[in-house]
Amino acid sequence: MSGRTKKIRQKFEVNSVKRIGLLGGGQLGRMTIEEARPLLAHISVLTPDYPSPAGLIADEVYVGDLDDYNAVMELAEDTDVLSYEIEHVNTAALHDLECSGRNVIPPSFVLGLIKDKMLQKKMLDRAGIPTAAWREVPEAGMIDSLLREAEALGGFPLVQKARRGGYDGRGVCVLDSAEAEFLPVPSFLEKKVPIQKELAVICVMDASGSVRTYPCVEMVFDPRANLCDSVLMPARIDEALMKKAEGLALAVVEALKTELADYCSQVTKKEPRYAPVMAGVFAVELFLDTSGNILVNEIAPRPHNSGHVTIENCVTSQFMQYYRILSGYPLGSTEMVCPAMMVNLLGEADASGEPSYVGIEEALKIPGVFLHLYGKSEVRPFRKMGHLTAIAPTVHEAIRRAELAREKIRIVSL
């Protein structure tokens, strides 16, 4: 057979589209890029690893450390706006970029406030937003300090949280007694809340100040890995609690906005070009305790696991909202179209190495089931490798479909 093919490397650009730089190459970045494609997005990523989930489909990939000042600056050179899909990035570089007039969403100050969980707690206290009672452990690794603060909180059981670096269950330790193994890092203690349900609300804010919330979701955590197992929208709570949860999420974002305004008034005296824009996707995790009170647990300044269901069951997904915000487009509707349940797909307990996906064909036979595989090159025990979402006319049916699909799928190593 004669004939030859011509190989073309495509680089499609639209001058009117903002060039977005994203710090992080994980699944949140990947799903943002996937959702943004209908609007001819141009998204570059800085990732410490290649291949990576977002790096495989980004327009441009910079391979470097997310905490490397120069790597962040290099990414920024050819972008119009910067953001991040993980908190553990160089905030000093982002702040310097803002002082030079560059746009970072959410602002570096907000990131710095949120990535230190103790600063989060202090901000929530200042705003009068209810949280679990807490005390700082002033000396890292000092058992005497920890026991002193434990006594001040009324004794065990308690939850110890690292101030920085926690992610997907890391940096959190439940202490049932004085003999429990504690975290030898800068931390604080929280009174362990008797939890009825764990909830979350995704709140989105654009550069003009418009704010919307998604319906409150109900989260279930996997005790083996201490990370989110499944998410149900809408949460199985009454309308009054639903409104209270969404109101607390709005209050959290308003508190962040107030803190930023106070900080901005100080910085602009020395840095006149510093004009951060309060915008972004904010996930507010909540506890519904056994007495019916809702408490704020933690905040994430980015798309969140609790919002993955929105890809299939809301008019505008959290990832499309994220792209709209970064690009300067108006917010889309956060209306729920139908109930849905999301289930994280984790590596098997004994998996290690190149992944193999078992049971996909059977899972896809179930009506209303959608699979998202993240393209990670290595599977490890309980590592997030993808998720599935089941949509249905009712909450009960969404749960049934999701659990049936979950039973079909295993992620093992070759």
Protein backbone atom coordinates (compact mmCIF):
# COMPACT_ATOMS: atom_id res chain seq x y z
CA MET A 1 0.00 0.00 0.00
CA SER A 2 1.50 3.32 -1.05
CA GLY A 3 1.03 6.73 0.50
CA ARG A 4 2.36 8.65 3.45
CA THR A 5 0.81 10.50 6.34
CA LYS A 6 1.71 13.95 7.59
CA LYS A 7 2.11 14.34 11.35
CA ILE A 8 0.89 17.69 12.69
CA ARG A 9 1.62 19.08 16.11
CA GLN A 10 -1.30 21.34 16.86
CA LYS A 11 -1.11 24.51 18.91
CA PHE A 12 -4.42 26.29 18.65
CA GLU A 13 -4.64 29.75 20.18
CA VAL A 14 -7.41 32.32 20.38
CA ASN A 15 -6.22 35.85 21.09
CA SER A 16 -9.35 36.77 23.05
CA VAL A 17 -8.91 33.87 25.51
CA LYS A 18 -6.97 34.54 28.68
CA ARG A 19 -3.88 32.41 29.17
CA ILE A 20 -4.22 30.69 32.53
CA GLY A 21 -1.35 29.34 34.59
CA LEU A 22 -2.27 26.63 37.06
CA LEU A 23 -0.01 25.50 39.89
CA GLY A 24 -0.43 21.76 40.27
CA GLY A 25 -0.86 18.90 37.85
CA GLY A 26 -3.34 16.69 39.68
CA GLN A 27 -6.88 15.56 38.99
CA LEU A 28 -8.46 18.89 39.92
CA GLY A 29 -6.43 20.57 37.21
CA ARG A 30 -7.27 17.79 34.77
CA MET A 31 -11.01 18.12 35.30
CA THR A 32 -10.76 21.91 35.04
CA ILE A 33 -9.07 21.59 31.64
CA GLU A 34 -11.61 18.98 30.48
CA GLU A 35 -14.55 21.18 31.44
CA ALA A 36 -13.01 24.35 29.98
CA ARG A 37 -12.37 22.98 26.48
CA PRO A 38 -15.75 24.03 25.00
CA LEU A 39 -14.71 27.66 25.58
CA LEU A 40 -11.36 27.26 23.75
CA ALA A 41 -9.33 27.50 26.94
CA HIS A 42 -5.56 27.88 27.08
CA ILE A 43 -4.23 26.43 30.35
CA SER A 44 -0.60 25.83 31.29
CA VAL A 45 0.37 23.88 34.38
CA LEU A 46 3.35 23.71 36.70
CA THR A 47 3.70 20.15 37.96
CA PRO A 48 6.43 18.40 39.96
CA ASP A 49 5.83 15.17 38.06
CA TYR A 50 5.43 14.27 34.42
CA PRO A 51 3.34 12.56 33.27
CA SER A 52 0.65 13.88 35.61
CA PRO A 53 -3.16 13.95 35.31
CA ALA A 54 -3.37 17.61 34.25
CA GLY A 55 0.02 17.63 32.53
CA LEU A 56 -1.15 15.03 30.03
CA ILE A 57 -3.84 17.32 28.60
CA ALA A 58 -2.58 20.87 29.34
CA ASP A 59 -1.64 23.26 26.54
CA GLU A 60 1.83 23.71 28.05
CA VAL A 61 3.59 21.92 30.88
CA TYR A 62 6.30 23.30 33.15
CA VAL A 63 7.97 20.59 35.24
CA GLY A 64 9.18 21.97 38.54
CA ASP A 65 8.61 22.22 42.28
CA LEU A 66 5.42 24.04 43.28
CA ASP A 67 7.30 25.67 46.15
CA ASP A 68 10.12 26.87 43.89
CA TYR A 69 9.96 30.67 43.63
CA ASN A 70 11.65 30.78 40.23
CA ALA A 71 9.50 27.99 38.80
CA VAL A 72 6.34 29.92 39.72
CA MET A 73 7.78 33.07 38.16
CA GLU A 74 8.64 31.20 34.96
CA LEU A 75 5.07 29.91 34.65
CA ALA A 76 3.77 33.45 35.19
CA GLU A 77 5.84 34.97 32.37
CA ASP A 78 3.52 33.75 29.63
CA THR A 79 0.16 33.82 31.43
CA ASP A 80 -2.52 36.42 32.14
CA VAL A 81 -3.83 34.98 35.39
CA LEU A 82 -2.49 32.45 37.91
CA SER A 83 -4.28 30.02 40.18
CA TYR A 84 -3.59 26.76 42.02
CA GLU A 85 -5.30 23.40 42.42
CA ILE A 86 -3.46 22.57 45.65
CA GLU A 87 -2.56 24.73 48.64
CA HIS A 88 1.08 23.68 48.99
CA VAL A 89 2.61 26.27 46.65
CA ASN A 90 4.96 29.25 47.00
CA THR A 91 2.77 32.07 48.35
CA ALA A 92 5.69 34.53 48.43
CA ALA A 93 6.07 34.26 44.66
CA LEU A 94 2.34 34.79 44.17
CA HIS A 95 2.40 37.84 46.46
CA ASP A 96 5.32 39.37 44.55
CA LEU A 97 3.47 38.81 41.29
CA GLU A 98 0.44 40.63 42.72
CA CYS A 99 2.65 43.52 43.80
CA SER A 100 3.84 43.78 40.20
CA GLY A 101 0.24 44.05 39.00
CA ARG A 102 -0.37 40.41 38.08
CA ASN A 103 -3.67 38.67 38.79
CA VAL A 104 -3.74 35.71 41.20
CA ILE A 105 -7.07 34.01 41.97
CA PRO A 106 -7.78 33.45 44.82
CA PRO A 107 -5.29 36.04 46.16
CA SER A 108 -2.07 34.91 47.81
CA PHE A 109 -3.14 36.38 51.14
CA VAL A 110 -6.27 34.23 51.15
CA LEU A 111 -4.17 31.17 50.31
CA GLY A 112 -1.73 31.93 53.12
CA LEU A 113 -4.58 32.35 55.58
CA ILE A 114 -6.23 29.07 54.60
CA LYS A 115 -3.13 26.88 54.26
CA ASP A 116 -2.33 27.51 57.95
CA LYS A 117 -5.28 25.80 59.62
CA MET A 118 -4.74 27.64 62.89
CA LEU A 119 -5.00 30.99 61.11
CA GLN A 120 -8.24 29.66 59.60
CA LYS A 121 -9.57 28.99 63.10
CA LYS A 122 -8.61 32.45 64.35
CA MET A 123 -10.30 34.09 61.37
CA LEU A 124 -13.49 32.12 61.95
CA ASP A 125 -13.44 33.12 65.61
CA ARG A 126 -13.04 36.79 64.69
CA ALA A 127 -16.00 36.53 62.33
CA GLY A 128 -18.18 34.82 64.95
CA ILE A 129 -18.55 31.69 62.82
CA PRO A 130 -19.14 28.54 64.93
CA THR A 131 -16.40 25.90 65.01
CA ALA A 132 -15.28 23.13 67.36
CA ALA A 133 -13.62 24.39 70.55
CA TRP A 134 -9.85 24.49 70.08
CA ARG A 135 -6.50 25.34 71.66
CA GLU A 136 -3.06 25.95 70.19
CA VAL A 137 -0.24 23.58 71.09
CA PRO A 138 2.53 26.18 71.48
CA GLU A 139 5.54 23.86 71.31
CA ALA A 140 5.78 21.31 68.52
CA GLY A 141 6.44 17.81 69.76
CA MET A 142 6.21 18.69 73.46
CA ILE A 143 3.90 16.24 75.22
CA ASP A 144 3.61 18.49 78.28
CA SER A 145 2.22 21.33 76.17
CA LEU A 146 -0.22 19.01 74.47
CA LEU A 147 -1.50 17.57 77.74
CA ARG A 148 -1.88 21.06 79.22
CA GLU A 149 -4.06 22.20 76.32
CA ALA A 150 -5.97 18.91 76.35
CA GLU A 151 -6.91 19.53 79.97
CA ALA A 152 -8.03 23.09 79.11
CA LEU A 153 -10.42 21.61 76.51
CA GLY A 154 -11.94 19.24 79.06
CA GLY A 155 -9.84 16.19 78.28
CA PHE A 156 -9.91 13.43 75.68
CA PRO A 157 -11.06 12.47 73.07
CA LEU A 158 -9.53 15.24 70.95
CA VAL A 159 -8.43 15.80 67.38
CA GLN A 160 -4.92 17.08 66.72
CA LYS A 161 -4.38 18.96 63.47
CA ALA A 162 -1.09 20.03 61.94
CA ARG A 163 -1.09 23.74 61.17
CA ARG A 164 0.38 23.20 57.72
CA GLY A 165 0.80 20.44 55.16
CA GLY A 166 -2.33 18.40 55.84
CA TYR A 167 -4.09 16.96 52.80
CA ASP A 168 -6.41 14.01 52.13
CA GLY A 169 -6.39 12.86 55.74
CA ARG A 170 -2.73 13.59 56.39
CA GLY A 171 -1.90 15.87 59.29
CA VAL A 172 -4.95 14.86 61.34
CA CYS A 173 -4.79 12.55 64.33
CA VAL A 174 -7.58 11.43 66.70
CA LEU A 175 -6.31 11.24 70.29
CA ASP A 176 -8.39 9.02 72.56
CA SER A 177 -6.11 9.27 75.59
CA ALA A 178 -2.85 10.74 76.90
CA GLU A 179 -1.08 7.58 75.69
CA ALA A 180 -2.10 8.07 72.04
CA GLU A 181 0.59 8.80 69.45
CA PHE A 182 0.55 12.51 68.61
CA LEU A 183 1.87 14.60 65.73
CA PRO A 184 5.32 16.09 66.51
CA VAL A 185 4.67 19.24 64.46
CA PRO A 186 3.23 22.75 65.04
CA SER A 187 -0.42 22.01 65.67
CA PHE A 188 -3.60 22.69 67.58
CA LEU A 189 -6.18 20.59 69.37
CA GLU A 190 -9.92 20.48 68.74
CA LYS A 191 -12.59 19.00 70.94
CA LYS A 192 -13.86 15.92 69.13
CA VAL A 193 -17.35 16.74 67.90
CA PRO A 194 -20.07 14.05 68.16
CA ILE A 195 -20.91 14.05 64.45
CA GLN A 196 -24.30 13.23 62.98
CA LYS A 197 -23.27 14.07 59.40
CA GLU A 198 -20.33 15.63 57.58
CA LEU A 199 -21.49 18.27 55.11
CA ALA A 200 -19.95 20.61 52.56
CA VAL A 201 -21.00 23.61 50.51
CA ILE A 202 -19.17 24.87 47.42
CA CYS A 203 -19.31 28.66 47.15
CA VAL A 204 -18.20 30.52 44.00
CA MET A 205 -17.36 34.22 43.67
CA ASP A 206 -16.42 36.07 40.48
CA ALA A 207 -14.29 39.20 40.12
CA SER A 208 -17.35 41.46 40.14
CA GLY A 209 -18.35 40.19 43.59
CA SER A 210 -21.25 37.97 42.49
CA VAL A 211 -21.56 34.96 44.82
CA ARG A 212 -23.47 31.69 44.50
CA THR A 213 -23.62 28.45 46.43
CA TYR A 214 -24.27 24.90 45.30
CA PRO A 215 -26.75 22.76 47.24
CA CYS A 216 -25.28 21.31 50.43
CA VAL A 217 -23.81 17.82 50.07
CA GLU A 218 -23.39 14.98 52.53
CA MET A 219 -19.96 13.34 52.79
CA VAL A 220 -18.96 9.91 54.06
CA PHE A 221 -15.34 9.24 55.01
CA ASP A 222 -13.35 6.04 54.61
CA PRO A 223 -11.94 5.20 58.08
CA ARG A 224 -9.13 3.11 56.57
CA ALA A 225 -7.58 6.01 54.68
CA ASN A 226 -9.21 8.94 56.54
CA LEU A 227 -10.34 10.53 53.30
CA CYS A 228 -13.61 11.18 51.52
CA ASP A 229 -15.32 8.01 50.31
CA SER A 230 -18.59 9.30 48.85
CA VAL A 231 -20.61 12.48 48.36
CA LEU A 232 -24.38 12.78 48.05
CA MET A 233 -26.24 15.78 46.61
CA PRO A 234 -28.55 16.90 48.06
CA ALA A 235 -27.64 16.12 51.67
CA ARG A 236 -30.32 14.24 53.59
CA ILE A 237 -31.16 17.15 55.90
CA ASP A 238 -34.22 19.36 56.20
CA GLU A 239 -34.66 22.66 54.36
CA ALA A 240 -33.85 24.78 57.42
CA LEU A 241 -30.49 23.03 57.94
CA MET A 242 -29.78 23.24 54.20
CA LYS A 243 -30.23 27.01 54.28
CA LYS A 244 -28.16 27.32 57.46
CA ALA A 245 -25.27 25.37 55.91
CA GLU A 246 -25.32 27.48 52.75
CA GLY A 247 -25.55 30.65 54.87
CA LEU A 248 -22.46 29.63 56.84
CA ALA A 249 -20.53 29.04 53.61
CA LEU A 250 -21.43 32.54 52.44
CA ALA A 251 -20.38 33.94 55.82
CA VAL A 252 -17.00 32.23 55.50
CA VAL A 253 -16.35 33.75 52.07
CA GLU A 254 -17.45 37.16 53.35
CA ALA A 255 -15.04 36.80 56.29
CA LEU A 256 -12.19 36.01 53.89
CA LYS A 257 -13.13 39.08 51.84
CA THR A 258 -13.05 41.28 54.96
CA GLU A 259 -9.66 39.95 56.03
CA LEU A 260 -8.29 40.57 52.54
CA ALA A 261 -9.60 44.15 52.52
CA ASP A 262 -7.90 44.87 55.87
CA TYR A 263 -4.62 43.41 54.63
CA CYS A 264 -4.85 45.23 51.32
CA SER A 265 -5.21 48.60 53.05
CA GLN A 266 -1.86 48.00 54.76
CA VAL A 267 0.08 46.69 51.75
CA THR A 268 -1.01 49.36 49.27
CA LYS A 269 0.75 52.02 51.34
CA LYS A 270 4.05 50.48 50.18
CA GLU A 271 2.94 48.61 47.06
CA PRO A 272 0.55 50.84 45.05
CA ARG A 273 0.11 48.22 42.29
CA TYR A 274 -1.14 45.63 44.78
CA ALA A 275 -4.83 45.20 43.96
CA PRO A 276 -5.87 41.59 44.59
CA VAL A 277 -9.23 40.36 43.34
CA MET A 278 -11.33 38.39 45.81
CA ALA A 279 -12.67 35.59 43.62
CA GLY A 280 -12.52 31.84 43.29
CA VAL A 281 -14.06 28.51 44.22
CA PHE A 282 -14.27 27.89 47.96
CA ALA A 283 -15.25 24.59 49.57
CA VAL A 284 -16.52 24.88 53.13
CA GLU A 285 -16.56 21.62 55.08
CA LEU A 286 -19.06 21.44 57.94
CA PHE A 287 -20.10 19.21 60.83
CA LEU A 288 -23.71 18.59 61.80
CA ASP A 289 -23.40 17.51 65.44
CA THR A 290 -25.75 15.22 67.32
CA SER A 291 -27.47 18.23 68.91
CA GLY A 292 -28.38 19.66 65.49
CA ASN A 293 -25.74 22.40 65.42
CA ILE A 294 -23.72 23.09 62.25
CA LEU A 295 -20.03 23.94 62.75
CA VAL A 296 -17.45 24.96 60.18
CA ASN A 297 -14.61 22.45 59.95
CA GLU A 298 -12.21 23.60 57.22
CA ILE A 299 -11.97 25.69 54.05
CA ALA A 300 -10.35 24.90 50.70
CA PRO A 301 -9.64 27.76 48.23
CA ARG A 302 -10.09 25.61 45.10
CA PRO A 303 -12.34 23.00 43.50
CA HIS A 304 -12.96 20.20 45.95
CA ASN A 305 -13.77 16.50 46.12
CA SER A 306 -17.21 17.38 47.49
CA GLY A 307 -18.02 19.16 44.22
CA HIS A 308 -17.20 16.42 41.73
CA VAL A 309 -20.88 15.46 41.51
CA THR A 310 -21.60 18.84 39.90
CA ILE A 311 -20.05 17.70 36.60
CA GLU A 312 -23.10 15.55 35.91
CA ASN A 313 -25.87 16.83 38.18
CA CYS A 314 -25.70 20.64 38.08
CA VAL A 315 -26.26 23.14 35.30
CA THR A 316 -22.67 24.41 35.68
CA SER A 317 -19.97 22.24 37.24
CA GLN A 318 -17.57 23.55 39.86
CA PHE A 319 -14.78 23.17 37.29
CA MET A 320 -16.55 25.22 34.64
CA GLN A 321 -17.25 27.85 37.29
CA TYR A 322 -13.55 27.86 38.15
CA TYR A 323 -12.60 28.42 34.52
CA ARG A 324 -15.26 31.13 34.11
CA ILE A 325 -13.92 32.96 37.16
CA LEU A 326 -10.30 32.78 35.97
CA SER A 327 -11.29 33.95 32.49
CA GLY A 328 -13.50 36.82 33.60
CA TYR A 329 -16.73 35.25 32.40
CA PRO A 330 -19.95 35.54 34.47
CA LEU A 331 -20.91 32.76 36.87
CA GLY A 332 -23.14 29.99 35.61
CA SER A 333 -26.18 28.56 37.34
CA THR A 334 -25.52 26.37 40.39
CA GLU A 335 -28.94 24.72 40.09
CA MET A 336 -29.09 20.99 40.74
CA VAL A 337 -30.66 19.12 37.81
CA CYS A 338 -31.10 15.81 39.62
CA PRO A 339 -29.81 13.94 42.70
CA ALA A 340 -26.40 12.28 42.42
CA MET A 341 -23.89 10.28 44.39
CA MET A 342 -20.13 10.40 43.80
CA VAL A 343 -17.80 7.61 44.93
CA ASN A 344 -14.01 7.94 44.98
CA LEU A 345 -12.21 5.07 43.27
CA LEU A 346 -9.17 4.12 45.33
CA GLY A 347 -6.28 1.80 44.76
CA GLU A 348 -6.70 -1.60 46.40
CA ALA A 349 -5.01 -2.14 49.77
CA ASP A 350 -2.28 -4.29 48.20
CA ALA A 351 -1.86 -2.35 44.93
CA SER A 352 1.52 -0.92 44.03
CA GLY A 353 2.83 -0.05 40.56
CA GLU A 354 1.26 0.33 37.15
CA PRO A 355 -2.55 0.46 37.50
CA SER A 356 -5.04 -1.96 36.00
CA TYR A 357 -8.76 -1.13 35.98
CA VAL A 358 -11.04 -4.10 36.53
CA GLY A 359 -14.80 -4.05 35.97
CA ILE A 360 -15.23 -0.84 33.98
CA GLU A 361 -17.41 -2.54 31.35
CA GLU A 362 -19.81 -3.88 33.97
CA ALA A 363 -20.02 -0.54 35.80
CA LEU A 364 -20.84 1.34 32.61
CA LYS A 365 -23.83 -0.95 31.97
CA ILE A 366 -25.60 0.63 34.95
CA PRO A 367 -27.92 3.49 33.89
CA GLY A 368 -26.86 6.95 34.96
CA VAL A 369 -23.28 6.01 35.87
CA PHE A 370 -20.31 8.11 34.69
CA LEU A 371 -16.65 7.28 35.22
CA HIS A 372 -13.73 9.71 35.53
CA LEU A 373 -10.26 8.13 35.54
CA TYR A 374 -7.46 10.53 36.43
CA GLY A 375 -4.63 9.07 34.38
CA LYS A 376 -2.23 8.53 37.28
CA SER A 377 0.72 6.40 36.21
CA GLU A 378 1.11 4.64 39.55
CA VAL A 379 -1.42 3.04 41.87
CA ARG A 380 -0.81 2.87 45.61
CA PRO A 381 -2.97 1.61 48.49
CA PHE A 382 -6.01 3.90 48.88
CA ARG A 383 -4.70 6.43 46.38
CA LYS A 384 -7.43 8.35 44.54
CA MET A 385 -7.33 7.03 40.99
CA GLY A 386 -10.69 8.27 39.76
CA HIS A 387 -14.32 8.63 40.73
CA LEU A 388 -17.73 7.55 39.56
CA THR A 389 -20.97 9.49 39.69
CA ALA A 390 -24.48 8.06 39.51
CA ILE A 391 -27.39 10.34 38.69
CA ALA A 392 -31.03 9.38 39.18
CA PRO A 393 -34.51 10.83 39.70
CA THR A 394 -34.27 10.21 43.47
CA VAL A 395 -31.59 10.20 46.15
CA HIS A 396 -32.37 6.58 46.98
CA GLU A 397 -31.88 5.45 43.37
CA ALA A 398 -28.68 7.48 42.99
CA ILE A 399 -27.25 5.71 46.03
CA ARG A 400 -28.31 2.29 44.73
CA ARG A 401 -26.72 2.86 41.32
CA ALA A 402 -23.50 4.26 42.77
CA GLU A 403 -23.06 1.40 45.23
CA LEU A 404 -23.81 -1.17 42.52
CA ALA A 405 -21.20 0.39 40.23
CA ARG A 406 -18.67 0.58 43.06
CA GLU A 407 -18.97 -3.17 43.59
CA LYS A 408 -17.95 -3.79 39.97
CA ILE A 409 -14.71 -1.79 39.95
CA ARG A 410 -11.31 -2.60 41.41
CA ILE A 411 -8.06 -0.74 40.76
CA VAL A 412 -5.14 -3.10 41.13
CA SER A 413 -1.55 -3.22 39.95
CA LEU A 414 -0.28 -5.20 36.99
